[in-house]
Each structure stands twice: as structure tokens, then as C-alpha cells.
Amino acid sequence: MLSKRVIACLDVRDGALTKGVKFVGNQVIGDPIEKAKEYYDQGLDELVFYDITASSDERNIMLDVVSDVASQIFIPFSVGGGIRSVRDASALLMAGAEKISLNSAAVTNPSLISDCAHAIGRQNTVLSMDVRATSDLSACASGYEVVIQGGRRPMGLDALAWAKQGCQLGAGELVVNSIDADGMKSGYDVRLTRMIAEAVPIPIVASGGAGTPAHLAEVLTEGKADAALVASMVHYGEYAIGEIKAYLAEQGIKVRTNF
């Protein structure tokens, strides 16, 4: 059995680390380079970096910040935001990212997934999905809808159907971001995560809602996630990475014991 992963997420705007609730009201809370080094030193398995306004502002990601973060860590590093072409993806790998994370541009141009997977490898191509519950079952039979541009633009696209399509197009991993749970610290959307994990054969990263180590244990077992993404619970100093991983190990969940 592969070890379950704990991944920290850095939402970056204008070069500063920010955090919001349900994708809105983001406030500056620190320096992404300092936090990256701090979490790496604590035993983090992977780091995700999102330039949260690159897509909505229609600009490229800040490569200098990506490079500065990459210089501080020696673990897998995934970067997303404003990636619209293979050239953009390649530039991020040159700046120090190991994986690129596609989101909004992939929804409007699905061939971007296959183009990137062919150019840089499926294992380096991540599809990140921003998802919220919807009552419109005629368009979204799963009860979940894909939203793009940082939660600003609902697409009427069924989340489960998009996850399957993304996998078929060449995504090597899916990050499932629950907008409804984001920043609430009341637990992941386990139903959503499990539904997608059971439908596709690639690794699933659960995102949105982590507030306690028990929430990670739940989504990694009942939610069938391969990894759990954390933000608020570590950004505000409530838990350290090593503390989270120690708890998971105590629950019988296999983790990398570098804490």
C-alpha cells in the first residue's frame, strides 16, 4: 500500500500568501517563501502553489515567486494558475515546479490536458477541479458543478463527468476542491471525494475543509483519497505538519515517517 500524503496549499496573490473562506475574502497572512520552508522543515510530503488571480486577471503566473519557493524545498511541488499553453507549463517546470496544475483553461479548452500530458508527462499533469454543490440535477446529475476563475464563473458542468473526461484526456492526478467546505474547517466533503475516487483510476487529492487531523483521517479512509490538502489549520499555527502525520500514523494510516 502506498503511503497517504499530506499536502499544504499556498494561495498566492500579488506575491503574498492569502487565505479566504469559500474562495472569497482572501486576506494576506504571510510570506509564501517562508511558509514553504517552514512546512518543508516540519516534514511536509508535497506543496501546492496556486496563483489565485492569474486566470481571472488573464495574466501569466509569477515565475519569480515560483522559483523562490522551489529554492527552499526538496519535495514534490505543484503549481497552478494562469496556465493556458504547453509553453506556460514548460516555463513552470523550468522555474522549479515538478507538476503543473490545470484548472480554468482546461475547462474551456480540454485539449490542453492532453497537450500537456504529451509534452511534459502524464505524471506531471494535474487537473484541479473547483466544485460546489448544485440543485440543478438536469445539468449536473452528480449534484456537483464545476466552477472556474477562482469560483467566479459557474459552468453548468457535472463534476463527476469532468473528472472522468480529465482522466481520459491524460491527467495523472485530480485535486478535488470543495468550494462549499473551503476555509470552514468543519471537514472535507467526503461524499464528493469518494464519488470521484471510485470513478477514476488515478490519485485523488481531497481539498477544502480541513480543520483537525481527524478530518484528514476521515477523507483518507472513508473518502478514499490518496492525499489530503491542508491550509488554514497549518497557516494559523493550530497544527504542525508532524503533529498531523503522527495522528494519522496512530490511526493506522500509512504515512511517510519523516516527522
Protein backbone atom coordinates (compact mmCIF):
# COMPACT_ATOMS: atom_id res chain seq x y z
CA MET A 1 0.00 0.00 0.00
CA LEU A 2 1.28 3.44 -0.92
CA SER A 3 1.68 5.99 1.85
CA LYS A 4 -1.02 8.63 2.14
CA ARG A 5 0.26 12.17 1.55
CA VAL A 6 -0.19 15.41 3.46
CA ILE A 7 -0.03 18.40 1.12
CA ALA A 8 0.00 22.07 2.11
CA CYS A 9 -1.60 24.66 -0.16
CA LEU A 10 -0.30 28.17 -0.66
CA ASP A 11 -2.88 30.53 -2.21
CA VAL A 12 -0.79 33.42 -3.51
CA ARG A 13 -1.98 36.82 -4.74
CA ASP A 14 0.44 39.56 -5.81
CA GLY A 15 3.30 37.54 -4.31
CA ALA A 16 1.73 37.29 -0.82
CA LEU A 17 0.24 34.27 0.94
CA THR A 18 -3.50 34.67 1.42
CA LYS A 19 -6.47 32.71 2.82
CA GLY A 20 -10.20 33.14 2.40
CA VAL A 21 -13.44 31.28 3.03
CA LYS A 22 -15.36 29.64 0.18
CA PHE A 23 -12.96 31.29 -2.29
CA VAL A 24 -13.81 34.86 -1.23
CA GLY A 25 -12.50 37.46 1.22
CA ASN A 26 -8.86 36.44 0.91
CA GLN A 27 -6.63 38.23 3.40
CA VAL A 28 -2.85 38.43 3.41
CA ILE A 29 -1.48 36.14 6.12
CA GLY A 30 2.22 35.83 5.41
CA ASP A 31 5.08 35.18 3.04
CA PRO A 32 4.79 32.09 0.80
CA ILE A 33 8.54 31.51 0.69
CA GLU A 34 8.86 31.48 4.49
CA LYS A 35 5.84 29.19 4.87
CA ALA A 36 7.11 26.78 2.23
CA LYS A 37 10.40 26.40 4.10
CA GLU A 38 8.62 26.05 7.44
CA TYR A 39 6.37 23.25 6.22
CA TYR A 40 9.22 21.50 4.46
CA ASP A 41 11.23 21.51 7.69
CA GLN A 42 8.20 20.05 9.52
CA GLY A 43 8.07 17.02 7.21
CA LEU A 44 5.55 18.01 4.54
CA ASP A 45 5.13 15.47 1.72
CA GLU A 46 4.21 17.87 -1.08
CA LEU A 47 3.46 21.55 -1.68
CA VAL A 48 0.82 23.10 -3.93
CA PHE A 49 1.11 26.72 -5.04
CA TYR A 50 -1.86 28.50 -6.62
CA ASP A 51 -1.66 31.98 -8.12
CA ILE A 52 -5.32 32.57 -7.34
CA THR A 53 -5.97 35.58 -9.58
CA ALA A 54 -3.83 34.70 -12.61
CA SER A 55 -6.80 33.23 -14.50
CA SER A 56 -9.37 35.88 -13.60
CA ASP A 57 -6.85 38.66 -14.30
CA GLU A 58 -5.90 36.97 -17.59
CA ARG A 59 -2.18 37.15 -16.83
CA ASN A 60 0.68 34.70 -16.52
CA ILE A 61 1.77 33.19 -13.24
CA MET A 62 4.57 34.90 -11.29
CA LEU A 63 7.59 32.78 -12.19
CA ASP A 64 9.94 34.62 -9.85
CA VAL A 65 7.85 33.69 -6.81
CA VAL A 66 7.62 30.08 -8.01
CA SER A 67 11.40 29.96 -8.39
CA ASP A 68 11.96 31.45 -4.92
CA VAL A 69 9.64 28.87 -3.31
CA ALA A 70 11.24 26.00 -5.22
CA SER A 71 14.67 27.02 -3.94
CA GLN A 72 13.54 26.40 -0.35
CA ILE A 73 12.06 22.91 -0.64
CA PHE A 74 13.13 19.49 -1.86
CA ILE A 75 9.78 17.73 -2.14
CA PRO A 76 7.24 17.46 -4.99
CA PHE A 77 5.98 20.93 -5.88
CA SER A 78 2.82 21.54 -7.92
CA VAL A 79 1.96 24.96 -9.35
CA GLY A 80 -1.27 26.27 -10.87
CA GLY A 81 -2.91 29.48 -12.02
CA GLY A 82 -2.97 31.08 -15.44
CA ILE A 83 -1.62 28.08 -17.37
CA ARG A 84 -3.03 28.33 -20.89
CA SER A 85 -0.48 26.50 -23.03
CA VAL A 86 2.27 23.90 -23.08
CA ARG A 87 4.70 26.79 -23.17
CA ASP A 88 3.30 28.10 -19.87
CA ALA A 89 3.56 24.64 -18.34
CA SER A 90 7.14 24.18 -19.52
CA ALA A 91 8.13 27.57 -18.10
CA LEU A 92 6.86 26.49 -14.68
CA LEU A 93 8.90 23.30 -14.77
CA MET A 94 11.95 25.36 -15.70
CA ALA A 95 11.21 27.63 -12.72
CA GLY A 96 11.33 24.67 -10.34
CA ALA A 97 7.86 23.10 -10.29
CA GLU A 98 7.64 19.32 -10.57
CA LYS A 99 3.95 19.25 -11.54
CA ILE A 100 1.65 21.74 -13.23
CA SER A 101 -1.96 22.12 -12.16
CA LEU A 102 -4.56 22.93 -14.80
CA ASN A 103 -7.96 24.34 -13.88
CA SER A 104 -9.94 27.08 -15.64
CA ALA A 105 -8.16 26.90 -19.00
CA ALA A 106 -8.63 23.13 -19.15
CA VAL A 107 -12.40 23.50 -18.77
CA THR A 108 -12.65 25.94 -21.67
CA ASN A 109 -10.01 24.08 -23.71
CA PRO A 110 -9.95 20.39 -22.67
CA SER A 111 -7.28 19.52 -25.24
CA LEU A 112 -4.85 21.45 -23.04
CA ILE A 113 -4.80 18.44 -20.72
CA SER A 114 -3.74 16.02 -23.43
CA ASP A 115 -1.30 18.54 -24.92
CA CYS A 116 0.45 18.97 -21.55
CA ALA A 117 0.40 15.27 -20.74
CA HIS A 118 2.05 14.52 -24.09
CA ALA A 119 4.65 17.29 -23.75
CA ILE A 120 5.68 17.03 -20.08
CA GLY A 121 4.33 13.64 -19.00
CA ARG A 122 1.07 12.45 -17.50
CA GLN A 123 2.67 12.14 -14.06
CA ASN A 124 3.44 15.88 -14.15
CA THR A 125 -0.03 16.95 -15.33
CA VAL A 126 -2.59 17.59 -12.58
CA LEU A 127 -6.23 18.54 -13.10
CA SER A 128 -7.53 20.75 -10.30
CA MET A 129 -11.32 21.00 -10.05
CA ASP A 130 -13.18 23.72 -8.14
CA VAL A 131 -16.55 22.20 -7.28
CA ARG A 132 -19.70 23.24 -5.46
CA ALA A 133 -22.99 21.50 -4.74
CA THR A 134 -25.90 22.34 -7.02
CA SER A 135 -29.61 21.54 -7.08
CA ASP A 136 -29.68 21.57 -10.89
CA LEU A 137 -29.59 17.82 -11.43
CA SER A 138 -30.69 18.16 -15.04
CA ALA A 139 -27.28 19.57 -15.94
CA CYS A 140 -25.24 18.04 -13.12
CA ALA A 141 -26.57 14.60 -12.27
CA SER A 142 -23.93 14.07 -9.58
CA GLY A 143 -25.19 17.08 -7.63
CA TYR A 144 -21.88 18.90 -8.07
CA GLU A 145 -20.94 21.61 -10.55
CA VAL A 146 -17.54 22.77 -11.82
CA VAL A 147 -16.78 26.48 -11.29
CA ILE A 148 -13.83 28.31 -12.85
CA GLN A 149 -11.90 31.57 -12.48
CA GLY A 150 -11.39 31.20 -8.75
CA GLY A 151 -15.01 30.37 -8.00
CA ARG A 152 -16.38 33.29 -10.02
CA ARG A 153 -17.86 31.53 -13.06
CA PRO A 154 -20.21 28.52 -12.78
CA MET A 155 -20.04 26.30 -15.85
CA GLY A 156 -23.07 24.00 -15.60
CA LEU A 157 -20.56 21.16 -16.00
CA ASP A 158 -21.06 18.00 -13.98
CA ALA A 159 -18.07 17.42 -11.69
CA LEU A 160 -18.11 13.64 -11.98
CA ALA A 161 -18.32 13.74 -15.78
CA TRP A 162 -15.46 16.26 -15.90
CA ALA A 163 -13.29 14.13 -13.61
CA LYS A 164 -13.75 11.14 -15.91
CA GLN A 165 -13.05 13.21 -19.01
CA GLY A 166 -9.95 14.77 -17.47
CA CYS A 167 -8.60 11.33 -16.67
CA GLN A 168 -9.28 10.10 -20.20
CA LEU A 169 -7.52 13.14 -21.65
CA GLY A 170 -4.34 12.38 -19.72
CA ALA A 171 -4.43 13.96 -16.26
CA GLY A 172 -2.22 11.97 -13.91
CA GLU A 173 -3.83 13.23 -10.71
CA LEU A 174 -7.01 15.06 -9.67
CA VAL A 175 -7.29 17.71 -6.97
CA VAL A 176 -10.91 18.00 -5.88
CA ASN A 177 -11.52 21.39 -4.27
CA SER A 178 -14.84 21.77 -2.43
CA ILE A 179 -15.84 25.44 -2.59
CA ASP A 180 -18.58 24.86 -0.01
CA ALA A 181 -16.11 23.45 2.53
CA ASP A 182 -13.19 25.79 1.77
CA GLY A 183 -11.92 27.61 4.84
CA MET A 184 -14.77 26.34 7.04
CA LYS A 185 -12.53 23.91 8.96
CA SER A 186 -15.51 21.60 9.51
CA GLY A 187 -14.27 18.67 7.44
CA TYR A 188 -13.84 17.66 3.81
CA ASP A 189 -16.75 16.82 1.53
CA VAL A 190 -16.23 13.09 1.95
CA ARG A 191 -19.14 12.16 -0.32
CA LEU A 192 -17.72 14.20 -3.20
CA THR A 193 -14.20 12.85 -2.77
CA ARG A 194 -15.31 9.21 -2.52
CA MET A 195 -17.60 9.54 -5.55
CA ILE A 196 -14.74 10.73 -7.75
CA ALA A 197 -12.14 8.38 -6.25
CA GLU A 198 -14.36 5.40 -7.08
CA ALA A 199 -14.88 6.62 -10.66
CA VAL A 200 -11.30 7.18 -11.86
CA PRO A 201 -8.09 5.11 -11.60
CA ILE A 202 -5.71 7.99 -10.84
CA PRO A 203 -4.74 9.51 -7.46
CA ILE A 204 -7.23 11.88 -5.81
CA VAL A 205 -6.24 14.80 -3.59
CA ALA A 206 -9.02 16.00 -1.27
CA SER A 207 -9.13 19.76 -0.78
CA GLY A 208 -11.28 22.13 1.25
CA GLY A 209 -12.46 21.91 4.85
CA ALA A 210 -9.55 20.55 6.91
CA GLY A 211 -9.75 21.74 10.50
CA THR A 212 -8.38 18.87 12.58
CA PRO A 213 -6.19 15.80 11.96
CA ALA A 214 -9.35 13.69 12.34
CA HIS A 215 -10.75 15.32 9.21
CA LEU A 216 -7.74 14.09 7.24
CA ALA A 217 -8.11 10.58 8.66
CA GLU A 218 -11.76 10.53 7.58
CA VAL A 219 -11.19 11.62 3.99
CA LEU A 220 -8.15 9.36 3.55
CA THR A 221 -10.14 6.32 4.67
CA GLU A 222 -13.89 6.84 4.12
CA GLY A 223 -13.31 9.32 1.30
CA LYS A 224 -10.75 7.03 -0.38
CA ALA A 225 -8.44 9.96 -1.11
CA ASP A 226 -4.77 9.32 -1.79
CA ALA A 227 -3.75 12.65 -0.29
CA ALA A 228 -5.27 15.43 1.80
CA LEU A 229 -4.58 19.11 1.28
CA VAL A 230 -4.37 21.46 4.27
CA ALA A 231 -4.26 25.24 4.53
CA SER A 232 -5.92 27.14 7.38
CA MET A 233 -5.11 24.59 10.07
CA VAL A 234 -1.39 24.99 9.44
CA HIS A 235 -1.26 28.59 8.23
CA TYR A 236 -2.65 29.86 11.54
CA GLY A 237 -0.39 27.67 13.66
CA GLU A 238 -3.13 25.42 15.01
CA TYR A 239 -1.30 22.27 13.97
CA ALA A 240 2.19 21.39 12.74
CA ILE A 241 2.72 19.01 9.83
CA GLY A 242 4.49 16.48 12.03
CA GLU A 243 1.63 16.55 14.53
CA ILE A 244 -0.89 15.80 11.79
CA LYS A 245 1.16 12.91 10.40
CA ALA A 246 1.75 11.46 13.86
CA TYR A 247 -2.01 11.41 14.45
CA LEU A 248 -2.62 9.67 11.13
CA ALA A 249 0.00 7.05 11.97
CA GLU A 250 -1.69 6.46 15.32
CA GLN A 251 -4.93 5.77 13.46
CA GLY A 252 -3.22 3.07 11.43
CA ILE A 253 -2.93 5.17 8.27
CA LYS A 254 0.34 4.64 6.43
CA VAL A 255 2.26 7.91 6.10
CA ARG A 256 5.86 8.81 5.41
CA THR A 257 7.50 8.87 8.82
CA ASN A 258 9.75 11.88 8.30
CA PHE A 259 8.26 13.84 11.20
